[in-house]
PDB file of N, CA and C in Angstrom:
ATOM      1  N   MET A   1      37.656   1.332  -1.910  1.00  0.00           N
ATOM      2  CA  MET A   1      36.339   1.565  -1.339  1.00  0.00           C
ATOM      3  C   MET A   1      36.451   1.537   0.184  1.00  0.00           C
ATOM      4  N   THR A   2      35.802   2.473   0.825  1.00  0.00           N
ATOM      5  CA  THR A   2      35.863   2.569   2.280  1.00  0.00           C
ATOM      6  C   THR A   2      34.907   1.571   2.938  1.00  0.00           C
ATOM      7  N   LYS A   3      35.129   1.333   4.223  1.00  0.00           N
ATOM      8  CA  LYS A   3      34.238   0.449   4.972  1.00  0.00           C
ATOM      9  C   LYS A   3      32.818   0.997   4.981  1.00  0.00           C
ATOM     10  N   VAL A   4      32.700   2.312   5.095  1.00  0.00           N
ATOM     11  CA  VAL A   4      31.374   2.938   5.127  1.00  0.00           C
ATOM     12  C   VAL A   4      30.658   2.711   3.800  1.00  0.00           C
ATOM     13  N   SER A   5      31.357   2.887   2.691  1.00  0.00           N
ATOM     14  CA  SER A   5      30.740   2.680   1.373  1.00  0.00           C
ATOM     15  C   SER A   5      30.302   1.237   1.191  1.00  0.00           C
ATOM     16  N   LYS A   6      31.106   0.308   1.672  1.00  0.00           N
ATOM     17  CA  LYS A   6      30.747  -1.111   1.576  1.00  0.00           C
ATOM     18  C   LYS A   6      29.514  -1.414   2.417  1.00  0.00           C
ATOM     19  N   LYS A   7      29.449  -0.802   3.602  1.00  0.00           N
ATOM     20  CA  LYS A   7      28.296  -0.998   4.471  1.00  0.00           C
ATOM     21  C   LYS A   7      27.029  -0.444   3.811  1.00  0.00           C
ATOM     22  N   ILE A   8      27.146   0.754   3.239  1.00  0.00           N
ATOM     23  CA  ILE A   8      26.002   1.359   2.547  1.00  0.00           C
ATOM     24  C   ILE A   8      25.548   0.448   1.405  1.00  0.00           C
ATOM     25  N   ALA A   9      26.492  -0.074   0.634  1.00  0.00           N
ATOM     26  CA  ALA A   9      26.161  -0.945  -0.494  1.00  0.00           C
ATOM     27  C   ALA A   9      25.403  -2.185  -0.023  1.00  0.00           C
ATOM     28  N   ARG A  10      25.870  -2.812   1.051  1.00  0.00           N
ATOM     29  CA  ARG A  10      25.200  -4.010   1.573  1.00  0.00           C
ATOM     30  C   ARG A  10      23.787  -3.685   2.042  1.00  0.00           C
ATOM     31  N   LYS A  11      23.653  -2.567   2.743  1.00  0.00           N
ATOM     32  CA  LYS A  11      22.333  -2.169   3.253  1.00  0.00           C
ATOM     33  C   LYS A  11      21.377  -1.820   2.106  1.00  0.00           C
ATOM     34  N   MET A  12      21.895  -1.125   1.105  1.00  0.00           N
ATOM     35  CA  MET A  12      21.055  -0.789  -0.047  1.00  0.00           C
ATOM     36  C   MET A  12      20.494  -2.057  -0.675  1.00  0.00           C
ATOM     37  N   ARG A  13      21.361  -3.029  -0.912  1.00  0.00           N
ATOM     38  CA  ARG A  13      20.945  -4.286  -1.531  1.00  0.00           C
ATOM     39  C   ARG A  13      19.903  -4.992  -0.661  1.00  0.00           C
ATOM     40  N   LEU A  14      20.149  -5.049   0.647  1.00  0.00           N
ATOM     41  CA  LEU A  14      19.238  -5.706   1.570  1.00  0.00           C
ATOM     42  C   LEU A  14      17.848  -5.073   1.534  1.00  0.00           C
ATOM     43  N   PHE A  15      17.788  -3.764   1.705  1.00  0.00           N
ATOM     44  CA  PHE A  15      16.499  -3.070   1.722  1.00  0.00           C
ATOM     45  C   PHE A  15      15.812  -3.101   0.357  1.00  0.00           C
ATOM     46  N   ARG A  16      16.595  -3.016  -0.711  1.00  0.00           N
ATOM     47  CA  ARG A  16      16.019  -3.064  -2.063  1.00  0.00           C
ATOM     48  C   ARG A  16      15.349  -4.417  -2.296  1.00  0.00           C
ATOM     49  N   LYS A  17      16.037  -5.482  -1.924  1.00  0.00           N
ATOM     50  CA  LYS A  17      15.479  -6.821  -2.122  1.00  0.00           C
ATOM     51  C   LYS A  17      14.259  -7.054  -1.233  1.00  0.00           C
ATOM     52  N   LYS A  18      14.304  -6.543  -0.006  1.00  0.00           N
ATOM     53  CA  LYS A  18      13.146  -6.666   0.888  1.00  0.00           C
ATOM     54  C   LYS A  18      11.923  -5.988   0.290  1.00  0.00           C
ATOM     55  N   LYS A  19      12.162  -4.902  -0.413  1.00  0.00           N
ATOM     56  CA  LYS A  19      11.066  -4.155  -1.023  1.00  0.00           C
ATOM     57  C   LYS A  19      10.653  -4.750  -2.366  1.00  0.00           C
ATOM     58  N   GLY A  20      11.428  -5.701  -2.870  1.00  0.00           N
ATOM     59  CA  GLY A  20      11.082  -6.364  -4.127  1.00  0.00           C
ATOM     60  C   GLY A  20      11.382  -5.536  -5.359  1.00  0.00           C
ATOM     61  N   LEU A  21      12.363  -4.646  -5.268  1.00  0.00           N
ATOM     62  CA  LEU A  21      12.722  -3.780  -6.391  1.00  0.00           C
ATOM     63  C   LEU A  21      13.982  -4.286  -7.089  1.00  0.00           C
ATOM     64  N   THR A  22      14.072  -4.003  -8.371  1.00  0.00           N
ATOM     65  CA  THR A  22      15.302  -4.263  -9.106  1.00  0.00           C
ATOM     66  C   THR A  22      16.200  -3.041  -8.968  1.00  0.00           C
ATOM     67  N   GLN A  23      17.448  -3.195  -9.366  1.00  0.00           N
ATOM     68  CA  GLN A  23      18.342  -2.041  -9.377  1.00  0.00           C
ATOM     69  C   GLN A  23      17.812  -0.979 -10.334  1.00  0.00           C
ATOM     70  N   GLU A  24      17.308  -1.418 -11.469  1.00  0.00           N
ATOM     71  CA  GLU A  24      16.792  -0.474 -12.466  1.00  0.00           C
ATOM     72  C   GLU A  24      15.624   0.332 -11.912  1.00  0.00           C
ATOM     73  N   GLU A  25      14.692  -0.350 -11.236  1.00  0.00           N
ATOM     74  CA  GLU A  25      13.532   0.332 -10.660  1.00  0.00           C
ATOM     75  C   GLU A  25      13.956   1.316  -9.577  1.00  0.00           C
ATOM     76  N   THR A  26      14.877   0.902  -8.745  1.00  0.00           N
ATOM     77  CA  THR A  26      15.346   1.761  -7.664  1.00  0.00           C
ATOM     78  C   THR A  26      16.029   3.004  -8.219  1.00  0.00           C
ATOM     79  N   ALA A  27      16.893   2.803  -9.194  1.00  0.00           N
ATOM     80  CA  ALA A  27      17.583   3.937  -9.813  1.00  0.00           C
ATOM     81  C   ALA A  27      16.590   4.902 -10.445  1.00  0.00           C
ATOM     82  N   TYR A  28      15.609   4.360 -11.156  1.00  0.00           N
ATOM     83  CA  TYR A  28      14.601   5.199 -11.813  1.00  0.00           C
ATOM     84  C   TYR A  28      13.818   6.024 -10.785  1.00  0.00           C
ATOM     85  N   GLU A  29      13.349   5.354  -9.734  1.00  0.00           N
ATOM     86  CA  GLU A  29      12.569   6.049  -8.705  1.00  0.00           C
ATOM     87  C   GLU A  29      13.403   7.105  -7.970  1.00  0.00           C
ATOM     88  N   ALA A  30      14.699   6.855  -7.832  1.00  0.00           N
ATOM     89  CA  ALA A  30      15.585   7.799  -7.152  1.00  0.00           C
ATOM     90  C   ALA A  30      16.107   8.878  -8.095  1.00  0.00           C
ATOM     91  N   GLU A  31      15.698   8.795  -9.351  1.00  0.00           N
ATOM     92  CA  GLU A  31      16.141   9.745 -10.383  1.00  0.00           C
ATOM     93  C   GLU A  31      17.665   9.753 -10.508  1.00  0.00           C
ATOM     94  N   LEU A  32      18.231   8.531 -10.528  1.00  0.00           N
ATOM     95  CA  LEU A  32      19.668   8.346 -10.697  1.00  0.00           C
ATOM     96  C   LEU A  32      19.906   7.499 -11.938  1.00  0.00           C
ATOM     97  N   ASP A  33      21.027   7.702 -12.567  1.00  0.00           N
ATOM     98  CA  ASP A  33      21.398   6.873 -13.702  1.00  0.00           C
ATOM     99  C   ASP A  33      21.611   5.444 -13.206  1.00  0.00           C
ATOM    100  N   TYR A  34      21.109   4.471 -13.968  1.00  0.00           N
ATOM    101  CA  TYR A  34      21.227   3.076 -13.552  1.00  0.00           C
ATOM    102  C   TYR A  34      22.679   2.664 -13.337  1.00  0.00           C
ATOM    103  N   SER A  35      23.578   3.061 -14.223  1.00  0.00           N
ATOM    104  CA  SER A  35      24.970   2.631 -14.086  1.00  0.00           C
ATOM    105  C   SER A  35      25.595   3.207 -12.811  1.00  0.00           C
ATOM    106  N   TYR A  36      25.225   4.421 -12.454  1.00  0.00           N
ATOM    107  CA  TYR A  36      25.717   5.023 -11.209  1.00  0.00           C
ATOM    108  C   TYR A  36      25.204   4.231 -10.013  1.00  0.00           C
ATOM    109  N   TYR A  37      23.909   3.937 -10.006  1.00  0.00           N
ATOM    110  CA  TYR A  37      23.326   3.163  -8.915  1.00  0.00           C
ATOM    111  C   TYR A  37      24.000   1.795  -8.809  1.00  0.00           C
ATOM    112  N   ASN A  38      24.157   1.137  -9.926  1.00  0.00           N
ATOM    113  CA  ASN A  38      24.781  -0.181  -9.966  1.00  0.00           C
ATOM    114  C   ASN A  38      26.192  -0.140  -9.387  1.00  0.00           C
ATOM    115  N   GLN A  39      26.952   0.862  -9.742  1.00  0.00           N
ATOM    116  CA  GLN A  39      28.320   0.994  -9.236  1.00  0.00           C
ATOM    117  C   GLN A  39      28.335   1.224  -7.726  1.00  0.00           C
ATOM    118  N   ILE A  40      27.382   1.985  -7.223  1.00  0.00           N
ATOM    119  CA  ILE A  40      27.289   2.209  -5.780  1.00  0.00           C
ATOM    120  C   ILE A  40      26.976   0.889  -5.077  1.00  0.00           C
ATOM    121  N   GLU A  41      25.943   0.210  -5.550  1.00  0.00           N
ATOM    122  CA  GLU A  41      25.501  -1.013  -4.875  1.00  0.00           C
ATOM    123  C   GLU A  41      26.530  -2.134  -4.982  1.00  0.00           C
ATOM    124  N   ASN A  42      27.349  -2.101  -5.998  1.00  0.00           N
ATOM    125  CA  ASN A  42      28.373  -3.129  -6.161  1.00  0.00           C
ATOM    126  C   ASN A  42      29.725  -2.706  -5.593  1.00  0.00           C
ATOM    127  N   GLY A  43      29.733  -1.586  -4.867  1.00  0.00           N
ATOM    128  CA  GLY A  43      30.927  -1.165  -4.153  1.00  0.00           C
ATOM    129  C   GLY A  43      32.038  -0.618  -5.024  1.00  0.00           C
ATOM    130  N   ARG A  44      31.711  -0.169  -6.218  1.00  0.00           N
ATOM    131  CA  ARG A  44      32.733   0.373  -7.111  1.00  0.00           C
ATOM    132  C   ARG A  44      32.744   1.896  -7.145  1.00  0.00           C
ATOM    133  N   ARG A  45      31.798   2.512  -6.447  1.00  0.00           N
ATOM    134  CA  ARG A  45      31.729   3.981  -6.465  1.00  0.00           C
ATOM    135  C   ARG A  45      31.186   4.482  -5.136  1.00  0.00           C
ATOM    136  N   ASN A  46      31.727   5.592  -4.664  1.00  0.00           N
ATOM    137  CA  ASN A  46      31.223   6.230  -3.449  1.00  0.00           C
ATOM    138  C   ASN A  46      29.996   7.060  -3.802  1.00  0.00           C
ATOM    139  N   PRO A  47      28.904   6.894  -3.059  1.00  0.00           N
ATOM    140  CA  PRO A  47      27.708   7.681  -3.348  1.00  0.00           C
ATOM    141  C   PRO A  47      27.810   9.092  -2.786  1.00  0.00           C
ATOM    142  N   SER A  48      27.160  10.016  -3.457  1.00  0.00           N
ATOM    143  CA  SER A  48      27.063  11.374  -2.920  1.00  0.00           C
ATOM    144  C   SER A  48      26.020  11.371  -1.808  1.00  0.00           C
ATOM    145  N   VAL A  49      26.042  12.384  -0.980  1.00  0.00           N
ATOM    146  CA  VAL A  49      25.067  12.512   0.099  1.00  0.00           C
ATOM    147  C   VAL A  49      23.663  12.602  -0.487  1.00  0.00           C
ATOM    148  N   GLU A  50      23.530  13.355  -1.566  1.00  0.00           N
ATOM    149  CA  GLU A  50      22.227  13.494  -2.219  1.00  0.00           C
ATOM    150  C   GLU A  50      21.729  12.146  -2.736  1.00  0.00           C
ATOM    151  N   ALA A  51      22.608  11.366  -3.331  1.00  0.00           N
ATOM    152  CA  ALA A  51      22.214  10.052  -3.850  1.00  0.00           C
ATOM    153  C   ALA A  51      21.752   9.138  -2.719  1.00  0.00           C
ATOM    154  N   VAL A  52      22.468   9.149  -1.607  1.00  0.00           N
ATOM    155  CA  VAL A  52      22.080   8.317  -0.463  1.00  0.00           C
ATOM    156  C   VAL A  52      20.696   8.731   0.031  1.00  0.00           C
ATOM    157  N   ALA A  53      20.435  10.017   0.106  1.00  0.00           N
ATOM    158  CA  ALA A  53      19.133  10.506   0.553  1.00  0.00           C
ATOM    159  C   ALA A  53      18.018  10.075  -0.399  1.00  0.00           C
ATOM    160  N   ARG A  54      18.260  10.165  -1.693  1.00  0.00           N
ATOM    161  CA  ARG A  54      17.251   9.748  -2.678  1.00  0.00           C
ATOM    162  C   ARG A  54      16.975   8.257  -2.596  1.00  0.00           C
ATOM    163  N   ILE A  55      18.038   7.486  -2.468  1.00  0.00           N
ATOM    164  CA  ILE A  55      17.898   6.029  -2.403  1.00  0.00           C
ATOM    165  C   ILE A  55      17.140   5.636  -1.134  1.00  0.00           C
ATOM    166  N   ALA A  56      17.487   6.230  -0.008  1.00  0.00           N
ATOM    167  CA  ALA A  56      16.800   5.934   1.251  1.00  0.00           C
ATOM    168  C   ALA A  56      15.307   6.229   1.130  1.00  0.00           C
ATOM    169  N   LYS A  57      14.963   7.314   0.487  1.00  0.00           N
ATOM    170  CA  LYS A  57      13.554   7.677   0.309  1.00  0.00           C
ATOM    171  C   LYS A  57      12.825   6.611  -0.494  1.00  0.00           C
ATOM    172  N   VAL A  58      13.430   6.170  -1.589  1.00  0.00           N
ATOM    173  CA  VAL A  58      12.816   5.132  -2.423  1.00  0.00           C
ATOM    174  C   VAL A  58      12.665   3.826  -1.642  1.00  0.00           C
ATOM    175  N   LEU A  59      13.660   3.507  -0.844  1.00  0.00           N
ATOM    176  CA  LEU A  59      13.631   2.262  -0.078  1.00  0.00           C
ATOM    177  C   LEU A  59      12.737   2.357   1.155  1.00  0.00           C
ATOM    178  N   GLY A  60      12.301   3.566   1.481  1.00  0.00           N
ATOM    179  CA  GLY A  60      11.399   3.765   2.609  1.00  0.00           C
ATOM    180  C   GLY A  60      12.068   3.612   3.964  1.00  0.00           C
ATOM    181  N   VAL A  61      13.360   3.987   4.017  1.00  0.00           N
ATOM    182  CA  VAL A  61      14.102   3.895   5.277  1.00  0.00           C
ATOM    183  C   VAL A  61      14.759   5.233   5.571  1.00  0.00           C
ATOM    184  N   PRO A  62      14.993   5.531   6.846  1.00  0.00           N
ATOM    185  CA  PRO A  62      15.735   6.740   7.181  1.00  0.00           C
ATOM    186  C   PRO A  62      17.179   6.604   6.679  1.00  0.00           C
ATOM    187  N   VAL A  63      17.792   7.704   6.320  1.00  0.00           N
ATOM    188  CA  VAL A  63      19.172   7.691   5.822  1.00  0.00           C
ATOM    189  C   VAL A  63      20.087   6.967   6.800  1.00  0.00           C
ATOM    190  N   LYS A  64      19.896   7.194   8.094  1.00  0.00           N
ATOM    191  CA  LYS A  64      20.779   6.584   9.084  1.00  0.00           C
ATOM    192  C   LYS A  64      20.744   5.059   9.045  1.00  0.00           C
ATOM    193  N   GLU A  65      19.665   4.468   8.546  1.00  0.00           N
ATOM    194  CA  GLU A  65      19.589   3.006   8.425  1.00  0.00           C
ATOM    195  C   GLU A  65      20.613   2.457   7.444  1.00  0.00           C
ATOM    196  N   LEU A  66      20.980   3.241   6.461  1.00  0.00           N
ATOM    197  CA  LEU A  66      21.961   2.791   5.493  1.00  0.00           C
ATOM    198  C   LEU A  66      23.381   2.833   6.060  1.00  0.00           C
ATOM    199  N   PHE A  67      23.562   3.538   7.170  1.00  0.00           N
ATOM    200  CA  PHE A  67      24.882   3.654   7.795  1.00  0.00           C
ATOM    201  C   PHE A  67      25.032   2.752   9.014  1.00  0.00           C
ATOM    202  N   SER A  68      23.929   2.220   9.528  1.00  0.00           N
ATOM    203  CA  SER A  68      24.018   1.431  10.772  1.00  0.00           C
ATOM    204  C   SER A  68      24.310  -0.026  10.510  1.00  0.00           C
TER     205      SER A  68
END
């Protein structure tokens, strides 16, 4: 797993928890399979650009926030 993927995973978890969402809810709202979302957030899979954009939208943050 790359440093960027790990950073994205940490940010996803942070923003998801701030919003009070579960992984299941976030995956559903982003129209992603739960297991795929779980693997991304747990640093076991690299997310696609489209997945990052969908997740950012659900979390209510700009995509760049997940990379900073």
